[in-house]
C-alpha atoms as a PDB file:
ATOM      1  CA  MET A   1       0.104   0.052   0.230  1.00  0.00           C
ATOM      2  CA  PRO A   2       1.349   3.448  -0.824  1.00  0.00           C
ATOM      3  CA  ARG A   3       2.823   5.797   1.952  1.00  0.00           C
ATOM      4  CA  VAL A   4       0.301   8.411   1.472  1.00  0.00           C
ATOM      5  CA  SER A   5      -3.066   5.894   1.462  1.00  0.00           C
ATOM      6  CA  VAL A   6      -1.258   4.387   4.815  1.00  0.00           C
ATOM      7  CA  TRP A   7      -1.073   7.870   6.346  1.00  0.00           C
ATOM      8  CA  ILE A   8      -4.343   9.355   4.658  1.00  0.00           C
ATOM      9  CA  LEU A   9      -6.078   6.221   6.698  1.00  0.00           C
ATOM     10  CA  ARG A  10      -3.746   6.421   9.848  1.00  0.00           C
ATOM     11  CA  VAL A  11      -5.397   9.489  10.240  1.00  0.00           C
ATOM     12  CA  ALA A  12      -9.227   8.388   9.126  1.00  0.00           C
ATOM     13  CA  LEU A  13      -8.872   5.667  12.061  1.00  0.00           C
ATOM     14  CA  ILE A  14      -8.082   8.715  14.802  1.00  0.00           C
ATOM     15  CA  TYR A  15     -10.366  10.808  13.740  1.00  0.00           C
ATOM     16  CA  LEU A  16     -12.790   7.209  14.442  1.00  0.00           C
ATOM     17  CA  GLY A  17     -11.599   7.179  17.554  1.00  0.00           C
ATOM     18  CA  VAL A  18     -11.683  10.258  18.585  1.00  0.00           C
ATOM     19  CA  GLY A  19     -15.513  10.573  17.014  1.00  0.00           C
ATOM     20  CA  PHE A  20     -16.827   7.426  18.866  1.00  0.00           C
ATOM     21  CA  THR A  21     -14.934   8.773  22.301  1.00  0.00           C
ATOM     22  CA  PHE A  22     -16.873  11.924  21.617  1.00  0.00           C
ATOM     23  CA  GLY A  23     -20.303   9.508  21.257  1.00  0.00           C
ATOM     24  CA  ALA A  24     -19.521   7.421  24.099  1.00  0.00           C
ATOM     25  CA  TYR A  25     -19.401  10.221  26.251  1.00  0.00           C
ATOM     26  CA  MET A  26     -22.659  11.792  25.269  1.00  0.00           C
ATOM     27  CA  LEU A  27     -24.225   8.514  25.720  1.00  0.00           C
ATOM     28  CA  ALA A  28     -22.891   8.090  29.041  1.00  0.00           C
ATOM     29  CA  ASN A  29     -23.861  11.331  29.896  1.00  0.00           C
ATOM     30  CA  LYS A  30     -27.656  11.121  28.808  1.00  0.00           C
ATOM     31  CA  GLY A  31     -28.386   8.147  30.854  1.00  0.00           C
ATOM     32  CA  LEU A  32     -26.370   9.186  34.245  1.00  0.00           C
ATOM     33  CA  ASN A  33     -26.415  12.981  33.775  1.00  0.00           C
ATOM     34  CA  PHE A  34     -23.050  14.069  35.113  1.00  0.00           C
ATOM     35  CA  ASP A  35     -22.615  17.229  32.323  1.00  0.00           C
ATOM     36  CA  PRO A  36     -24.676  18.810  31.107  1.00  0.00           C
ATOM     37  CA  GLY A  37     -22.248  20.617  28.549  1.00  0.00           C
ATOM     38  CA  ALA A  38     -21.925  17.211  27.072  1.00  0.00           C
ATOM     39  CA  TRP A  39     -24.094  17.678  24.034  1.00  0.00           C
ATOM     40  CA  ARG A  40     -21.753  20.225  22.971  1.00  0.00           C
ATOM     41  CA  LEU A  41     -19.747  17.525  21.841  1.00  0.00           C
ATOM     42  CA  LEU A  42     -22.599  16.862  19.366  1.00  0.00           C
ATOM     43  CA  PHE A  43     -21.707  18.793  16.402  1.00  0.00           C
ATOM     44  CA  PRO A  44     -17.757  17.503  16.795  1.00  0.00           C
ATOM     45  CA  HIS A  45     -19.241  14.332  16.952  1.00  0.00           C
ATOM     46  CA  MET A  46     -20.363  14.264  13.250  1.00  0.00           C
ATOM     47  CA  GLU A  47     -17.861  16.139  11.821  1.00  0.00           C
ATOM     48  CA  LEU A  48     -15.159  13.333  12.601  1.00  0.00           C
ATOM     49  CA  LEU A  49     -16.890  10.886  12.200  1.00  0.00           C
ATOM     50  CA  LEU A  50     -18.608  11.896   8.377  1.00  0.00           C
ATOM     51  CA  VAL A  51     -15.950  13.889   6.826  1.00  0.00           C
ATOM     52  CA  GLY A  52     -12.743  12.902   9.450  1.00  0.00           C
ATOM     53  CA  TRP A  53     -13.686   8.996   9.222  1.00  0.00           C
ATOM     54  CA  THR A  54     -15.569   8.701   6.544  1.00  0.00           C
ATOM     55  CA  THR A  55     -14.454  10.788   3.960  1.00  0.00           C
ATOM     56  CA  GLN A  56     -10.707   9.977   4.518  1.00  0.00           C
ATOM     57  CA  LEU A  57     -11.009   6.059   4.226  1.00  0.00           C
ATOM     58  CA  ILE A  58     -12.926   6.652   0.562  1.00  0.00           C
ATOM     59  CA  VAL A  59      -9.979   9.413  -0.529  1.00  0.00           C
ATOM     60  CA  GLY A  60      -7.672   6.726   0.990  1.00  0.00           C
ATOM     61  CA  VAL A  61      -9.210   3.371  -0.305  1.00  0.00           C
ATOM     62  CA  ALA A  62      -9.295   5.148  -3.536  1.00  0.00           C
ATOM     63  CA  PHE A  63      -5.901   6.183  -4.196  1.00  0.00           C
ATOM     64  CA  TRP A  64      -4.605   2.657  -3.506  1.00  0.00           C
ATOM     65  CA  ILE A  65      -7.463   1.605  -5.070  1.00  0.00           C
ATOM     66  CA  MET A  66      -7.678   3.270  -8.318  1.00  0.00           C
ATOM     67  CA  PRO A  67      -5.523   1.726 -12.055  1.00  0.00           C
ATOM     68  CA  ARG A  68      -2.186   2.956 -11.934  1.00  0.00           C
ATOM     69  CA  PHE A  69      -0.270   4.397 -14.660  1.00  0.00           C
ATOM     70  CA  SER A  70       2.700   2.402 -16.102  1.00  0.00           C
ATOM     71  CA  GLY A  71       6.117   3.382 -15.910  1.00  0.00           C
ATOM     72  CA  SER A  72       8.414   4.440 -13.565  1.00  0.00           C
ATOM     73  CA  GLU A  73       5.884   7.208 -11.589  1.00  0.00           C
ATOM     74  CA  LYS A  74       2.944   4.690 -11.005  1.00  0.00           C
ATOM     75  CA  TYR A  75       0.708   6.776  -8.934  1.00  0.00           C
ATOM     76  CA  GLY A  76       0.826   9.756 -10.847  1.00  0.00           C
ATOM     77  CA  LYS A  77       2.211  13.669  -8.774  1.00  0.00           C
ATOM     78  CA  VAL A  78       1.444  12.548  -5.655  1.00  0.00           C
ATOM     79  CA  ARG A  79       2.374  16.141  -4.163  1.00  0.00           C
ATOM     80  CA  LEU A  80      -1.173  16.928  -4.585  1.00  0.00           C
ATOM     81  CA  VAL A  81      -3.287  14.282  -2.913  1.00  0.00           C
ATOM     82  CA  TRP A  82      -0.556  15.341   0.249  1.00  0.00           C
ATOM     83  CA  VAL A  83      -1.516  19.007  -0.417  1.00  0.00           C
ATOM     84  CA  SER A  84      -5.293  17.948  -0.588  1.00  0.00           C
ATOM     85  CA  HIS A  85      -4.901  15.813   2.240  1.00  0.00           C
ATOM     86  CA  ALA A  86      -3.467  18.796   4.509  1.00  0.00           C
ATOM     87  CA  LEU A  87      -6.874  20.787   3.361  1.00  0.00           C
ATOM     88  CA  LEU A  88      -9.367  18.524   4.040  1.00  0.00           C
ATOM     89  CA  ASN A  89      -7.549  18.465   7.826  1.00  0.00           C
ATOM     90  CA  ALA A  90      -6.798  21.750   8.322  1.00  0.00           C
ATOM     91  CA  GLY A  91     -10.803  22.247   7.078  1.00  0.00           C
ATOM     92  CA  ILE A  92     -12.256  19.311   9.577  1.00  0.00           C
ATOM     93  CA  LEU A  93     -10.327  21.061  12.561  1.00  0.00           C
ATOM     94  CA  THR A  94     -11.780  24.424  11.383  1.00  0.00           C
ATOM     95  CA  VAL A  95     -14.961  23.801  11.200  1.00  0.00           C
ATOM     96  CA  VAL A  96     -15.213  21.755  14.690  1.00  0.00           C
ATOM     97  CA  ALA A  97     -13.197  24.884  16.229  1.00  0.00           C
ATOM     98  CA  GLY A  98     -15.799  26.578  14.030  1.00  0.00           C
ATOM     99  CA  GLY A  99     -18.537  24.961  15.858  1.00  0.00           C
ATOM    100  CA  TRP A 100     -17.619  24.866  19.513  1.00  0.00           C
ATOM    101  CA  ILE A 101     -17.073  28.300  19.673  1.00  0.00           C
ATOM    102  CA  GLY A 102     -20.136  28.824  17.698  1.00  0.00           C
ATOM    103  CA  SER A 103     -18.175  31.011  14.795  1.00  0.00           C
ATOM    104  CA  ASN A 104     -19.853  30.754  11.744  1.00  0.00           C
ATOM    105  CA  GLU A 105     -17.054  32.112   9.770  1.00  0.00           C
ATOM    106  CA  LEU A 106     -14.250  29.855  11.530  1.00  0.00           C
ATOM    107  CA  ILE A 107     -17.201  26.677   9.792  1.00  0.00           C
ATOM    108  CA  LEU A 108     -17.363  28.571   6.550  1.00  0.00           C
ATOM    109  CA  ALA A 109     -13.498  28.987   5.949  1.00  0.00           C
ATOM    110  CA  GLY A 110     -13.480  24.762   6.820  1.00  0.00           C
ATOM    111  CA  ARG A 111     -16.095  23.777   4.794  1.00  0.00           C
ATOM    112  CA  ALA A 112     -14.153  25.769   1.992  1.00  0.00           C
ATOM    113  CA  ALA A 113     -11.293  24.042   2.620  1.00  0.00           C
ATOM    114  CA  GLU A 114     -12.400  20.609   2.463  1.00  0.00           C
ATOM    115  CA  LEU A 115     -14.401  21.823  -0.955  1.00  0.00           C
ATOM    116  CA  LEU A 116     -10.750  22.812  -2.248  1.00  0.00           C
ATOM    117  CA  ALA A 117      -9.500  19.359  -1.369  1.00  0.00           C
ATOM    118  CA  ALA A 118     -11.840  17.452  -2.481  1.00  0.00           C
ATOM    119  CA  VAL A 119     -11.786  19.401  -5.780  1.00  0.00           C
ATOM    120  CA  LEU A 120      -7.917  18.937  -5.750  1.00  0.00           C
ATOM    121  CA  PHE A 121      -8.098  15.348  -5.017  1.00  0.00           C
ATOM    122  CA  ALA A 122     -10.648  15.365  -8.176  1.00  0.00           C
ATOM    123  CA  ILE A 123      -7.920  16.512 -10.116  1.00  0.00           C
ATOM    124  CA  TYR A 124      -5.723  14.051  -9.077  1.00  0.00           C
ATOM    125  CA  ILE A 125      -7.675  11.154  -9.355  1.00  0.00           C
ATOM    126  CA  ALA A 126      -9.925  11.783 -12.531  1.00  0.00           C
ATOM    127  CA  PRO A 127      -6.824  10.637 -15.357  1.00  0.00           C
ATOM    128  CA  ARG A 128      -6.580   7.247 -13.675  1.00  0.00           C
ATOM    129  CA  VAL A 129     -10.376   6.623 -13.807  1.00  0.00           C
ATOM    130  CA  LYS A 130     -10.354   3.960 -17.088  1.00  0.00           C
ATOM    131  CA  PRO A 131     -13.069   2.373 -18.450  1.00  0.00           C
ATOM    132  CA  LEU A 132     -13.834  -1.317 -17.222  1.00  0.00           C
ATOM    133  CA  GLY A 133     -12.145  -3.558 -19.420  1.00  0.00           C
ATOM    134  CA  GLY A 134      -9.053  -1.257 -20.902  1.00  0.00           C
ATOM    135  CA  GLN A 135      -8.876   0.109 -24.538  1.00  0.00           C
ATOM    136  CA  ALA A 136     -10.515  -2.349 -26.455  1.00  0.00           C
ATOM    137  CA  ALA A 137     -14.045  -1.622 -24.325  1.00  0.00           C
ATOM    138  CA  ALA A 138     -13.163   1.998 -24.769  1.00  0.00           C
ATOM    139  CA  GLN A 139     -13.132   1.894 -28.511  1.00  0.00           C
ATOM    140  CA  ALA A 140     -16.360  -0.700 -28.660  1.00  0.00           C
ATOM    141  CA  ASP A 141     -17.899   2.360 -27.139  1.00  0.00           C
ATOM    142  CA  GLN A 142     -16.745   4.344 -29.555  1.00  0.00           C
ATOM    143  CA  THR A 143     -18.365   2.504 -32.786  1.00  0.00           C
ATOM    144  CA  GLU A 144     -21.691   2.335 -30.882  1.00  0.00           C
END
Protein backbone atom coordinates (compact mmCIF):
# COMPACT_ATOMS: atom_id res chain seq x y z
CA MET A 1 0.00 0.00 0.00
CA PRO A 2 1.43 3.45 -0.89
CA ARG A 3 2.67 5.65 1.93
CA VAL A 4 0.11 8.41 1.32
CA SER A 5 -2.75 5.88 1.63
CA VAL A 6 -1.28 4.55 4.85
CA TRP A 7 -1.12 8.04 6.36
CA ILE A 8 -4.60 9.01 5.20
CA LEU A 9 -6.04 5.81 6.69
CA ARG A 10 -4.12 6.28 9.95
CA VAL A 11 -5.54 9.77 10.34
CA ALA A 12 -9.02 8.43 9.50
CA LEU A 13 -8.66 5.88 12.31
CA ILE A 14 -7.68 8.65 14.73
CA TYR A 15 -10.82 10.58 13.78
CA LEU A 16 -12.85 7.39 14.25
CA GLY A 17 -11.47 6.91 17.75
CA VAL A 18 -11.98 10.52 18.82
CA GLY A 19 -15.46 10.67 17.26
CA PHE A 20 -16.56 7.45 18.96
CA THR A 21 -15.14 8.69 22.26
CA PHE A 22 -17.21 11.87 21.98
CA GLY A 23 -20.27 9.78 21.14
CA ALA A 24 -19.69 7.41 24.07
CA TYR A 25 -19.29 10.37 26.43
CA MET A 26 -22.57 11.89 25.24
CA LEU A 27 -24.35 8.54 25.49
CA ALA A 28 -23.05 7.93 29.01
CA ASN A 29 -24.12 11.44 29.95
CA LYS A 30 -27.60 10.78 28.58
CA GLY A 31 -28.02 7.90 31.02
CA LEU A 32 -26.15 9.26 34.04
CA ASN A 33 -26.57 13.04 33.53
CA PHE A 34 -23.21 14.07 34.99
CA ASP A 35 -22.28 16.90 32.56
CA PRO A 36 -24.90 19.41 31.36
CA GLY A 37 -22.52 20.68 28.66
CA ALA A 38 -21.86 17.28 27.09
CA TRP A 39 -24.16 17.97 24.14
CA ARG A 40 -21.69 20.58 22.90
CA LEU A 41 -19.75 17.58 21.58
CA LEU A 42 -22.53 16.64 19.14
CA PHE A 43 -21.32 18.87 16.27
CA PRO A 44 -17.64 17.82 16.62
CA HIS A 45 -18.77 14.19 16.95
CA MET A 46 -20.68 14.37 13.65
CA GLU A 47 -17.91 16.26 11.82
CA LEU A 48 -15.16 13.91 12.96
CA LEU A 49 -17.08 10.79 11.99
CA LEU A 50 -18.76 11.96 8.78
CA VAL A 51 -15.94 13.96 7.24
CA GLY A 52 -12.88 12.91 9.24
CA TRP A 53 -13.46 9.16 9.26
CA THR A 54 -15.69 8.43 6.27
CA THR A 55 -14.25 10.85 3.72
CA GLN A 56 -10.65 10.05 4.54
CA LEU A 57 -11.35 6.34 4.45
CA ILE A 58 -12.83 6.76 0.96
CA VAL A 59 -9.93 8.94 -0.22
CA GLY A 60 -7.25 6.62 1.19
CA VAL A 61 -8.76 3.52 -0.36
CA ALA A 62 -9.51 5.28 -3.68
CA PHE A 63 -5.89 6.41 -3.99
CA TRP A 64 -4.68 2.88 -3.34
CA ILE A 65 -7.17 0.93 -5.45
CA MET A 66 -7.69 3.05 -8.59
CA PRO A 67 -5.80 1.88 -11.70
CA ARG A 68 -2.17 2.93 -11.74
CA PHE A 69 -0.17 4.51 -14.52
CA SER A 70 2.37 2.45 -16.40
CA GLY A 71 5.90 3.68 -16.05
CA SER A 72 8.19 4.74 -13.24
CA GLU A 73 5.66 7.01 -11.48
CA LYS A 74 2.78 4.59 -11.19
CA TYR A 75 0.78 6.91 -8.91
CA GLY A 76 1.45 10.18 -10.72
CA LYS A 77 1.89 13.52 -8.92
CA VAL A 78 1.38 12.39 -5.32
CA ARG A 79 2.21 15.87 -4.03
CA LEU A 80 -1.31 16.99 -5.00
CA VAL A 81 -2.78 14.28 -2.76
CA TRP A 82 -0.61 15.38 0.17
CA VAL A 83 -1.84 18.97 -0.29
CA SER A 84 -5.42 17.73 -0.51
CA HIS A 85 -4.94 15.68 2.67
CA ALA A 86 -3.51 18.67 4.54
CA LEU A 87 -6.35 20.93 3.38
CA LEU A 88 -8.98 18.38 4.33
CA ASN A 89 -7.58 17.99 7.83
CA ALA A 90 -7.17 21.74 8.28
CA GLY A 91 -10.77 22.14 7.16
CA ILE A 92 -12.05 19.48 9.55
CA LEU A 93 -10.24 20.98 12.52
CA THR A 94 -11.39 24.50 11.57
CA VAL A 95 -15.02 23.38 11.28
CA VAL A 96 -14.80 21.60 14.65
CA ALA A 97 -13.27 24.69 16.27
CA GLY A 98 -15.87 26.95 14.68
CA GLY A 99 -18.70 24.73 15.87
CA TRP A 100 -17.23 24.56 19.36
CA ILE A 101 -16.94 28.33 19.80
CA GLY A 102 -19.98 29.16 17.66
CA SER A 103 -18.20 30.99 14.84
CA ASN A 104 -19.97 30.74 11.51
CA GLU A 105 -16.96 32.37 9.80
CA LEU A 106 -14.65 29.57 10.96
CA ILE A 107 -17.16 26.95 9.87
CA LEU A 108 -17.41 28.57 6.44
CA ALA A 109 -13.62 28.78 6.11
CA GLY A 110 -13.30 25.12 7.12
CA ARG A 111 -15.94 24.04 4.62
CA ALA A 112 -14.13 26.01 1.91
CA ALA A 113 -10.89 24.18 2.75
CA GLU A 114 -12.72 20.83 2.65
CA LEU A 115 -14.23 21.70 -0.73
CA LEU A 116 -10.85 22.75 -2.13
CA ALA A 117 -9.37 19.47 -0.85
CA ALA A 118 -12.09 17.51 -2.65
CA VAL A 119 -11.51 19.44 -5.88
CA LEU A 120 -7.74 18.86 -5.72
CA PHE A 121 -8.23 15.15 -5.13
CA ALA A 122 -10.71 14.95 -8.01
CA ILE A 123 -8.19 16.71 -10.29
CA TYR A 124 -5.54 14.21 -9.21
CA ILE A 125 -7.66 11.06 -9.54
CA ALA A 126 -9.50 11.89 -12.80
CA PRO A 127 -6.70 10.67 -15.14
CA ARG A 128 -6.60 7.34 -13.27
CA VAL A 129 -10.29 6.65 -13.93
CA LYS A 130 -10.42 4.24 -16.84
CA PRO A 131 -13.27 2.34 -18.49
CA LEU A 132 -13.85 -1.23 -17.45
CA GLY A 133 -12.08 -3.60 -19.82
CA GLY A 134 -9.35 -1.22 -20.87
CA GLN A 135 -8.78 0.21 -24.33
CA ALA A 136 -10.84 -2.42 -26.18
CA ALA A 137 -13.95 -1.53 -24.20
CA ALA A 138 -13.38 2.17 -24.84
CA GLN A 139 -13.10 1.57 -28.57
CA ALA A 140 -16.27 -0.56 -28.56
CA ASP A 141 -18.16 2.26 -26.82
CA GLN A 142 -16.99 4.75 -29.46
CA THR A 143 -18.25 2.63 -32.38
CA GLU A 144 -21.78 2.36 -30.97
